[in-house]
C-alpha cells in the first residue's frame, strides 16, 4: 500500500485548487457551532444554579422576617 500526499506543498494544501477558502470557512463554521453546543449548556447551567440560589436566599429571608 503506497500512500501519497495529494498536494505539492503546504500552500497548495491550504489553497486546494481554489476551493480552500470555502473548505476552511466550512471547517470554521462547523467548529464554532460545536463549540457553542458545548459552551452554551454550561453557561445555562451556571445561570440556573445562580437563580435557584438567589430564590432560596430570598425565601429564607422572607421566612425569617415573618
Protein backbone atom coordinates (compact mmCIF):
# COMPACT_ATOMS: atom_id res chain seq x y z
CA UNK A 1 0.00 0.00 0.00
CA UNK A 2 1.57 3.24 -1.14
CA UNK A 3 0.20 6.44 0.38
CA UNK A 4 0.95 9.66 -1.50
CA UNK A 5 0.19 13.22 -0.48
CA UNK A 6 -2.17 14.93 -2.91
CA UNK A 7 -0.59 18.39 -2.72
CA UNK A 8 2.93 19.56 -3.54
CA UNK A 9 3.36 21.81 -0.51
CA UNK A 10 1.50 23.41 2.41
CA UNK A 11 0.35 26.41 0.36
CA UNK A 12 -1.21 24.11 -2.26
CA UNK A 13 -2.90 22.17 0.55
CA UNK A 14 -4.35 25.34 2.07
CA UNK A 15 -5.45 26.71 -1.31
CA UNK A 16 -6.88 23.34 -2.53
CA UNK A 17 -7.02 24.31 -6.20
CA UNK A 18 -9.12 27.40 -5.42
CA UNK A 19 -11.55 25.64 -3.10
CA UNK A 20 -9.54 26.29 0.06
CA UNK A 21 -11.37 29.40 1.32
CA UNK A 22 -14.73 27.63 1.07
CA UNK A 23 -13.44 24.45 2.71
CA UNK A 24 -11.70 26.25 5.58
CA UNK A 25 -14.71 28.52 6.12
CA UNK A 26 -16.89 25.40 6.43
CA UNK A 27 -14.50 23.95 8.98
CA UNK A 28 -14.52 27.22 10.93
CA UNK A 29 -18.33 27.40 10.98
CA UNK A 30 -18.59 23.74 11.99
CA UNK A 31 -16.12 24.02 14.86
CA UNK A 32 -17.66 27.30 16.03
CA UNK A 33 -21.07 25.61 16.11
CA UNK A 34 -19.69 22.62 18.01
CA UNK A 35 -18.02 24.99 20.45
CA UNK A 36 -21.32 26.76 21.07
CA UNK A 37 -23.05 23.41 21.60
CA UNK A 38 -20.51 22.65 24.31
CA UNK A 39 -20.33 26.08 25.98
CA UNK A 40 -23.99 27.17 25.96
CA UNK A 41 -25.34 24.36 28.22
CA UNK A 42 -22.56 25.09 30.72
CA UNK A 43 -23.47 28.78 30.77
CA UNK A 44 -27.18 27.97 31.12
CA UNK A 45 -26.48 25.58 33.99
CA UNK A 46 -24.40 28.17 35.81
CA UNK A 47 -27.16 30.77 35.32
CA UNK A 48 -29.84 28.32 36.55
CA UNK A 49 -27.87 27.40 39.68
CA UNK A 50 -27.29 31.09 40.45
CA UNK A 51 -31.02 31.85 40.02
CA UNK A 52 -32.03 28.95 42.27
CA UNK A 53 -29.53 30.04 44.92
CA UNK A 54 -30.92 33.58 44.82
CA UNK A 55 -34.51 32.30 45.07
CA UNK A 56 -33.61 30.11 48.05
CA UNK A 57 -31.87 33.04 49.73
CA UNK A 58 -34.93 35.28 49.20
CA UNK A 59 -37.27 32.59 50.51
CA UNK A 60 -35.10 32.18 53.61
CA UNK A 61 -35.11 35.94 54.21
CA UNK A 62 -38.89 36.13 53.82
CA UNK A 63 -39.48 33.24 56.20
CA UNK A 64 -37.11 34.71 58.82
CA UNK A 65 -38.87 38.10 58.64
CA UNK A 66 -42.25 36.58 59.49
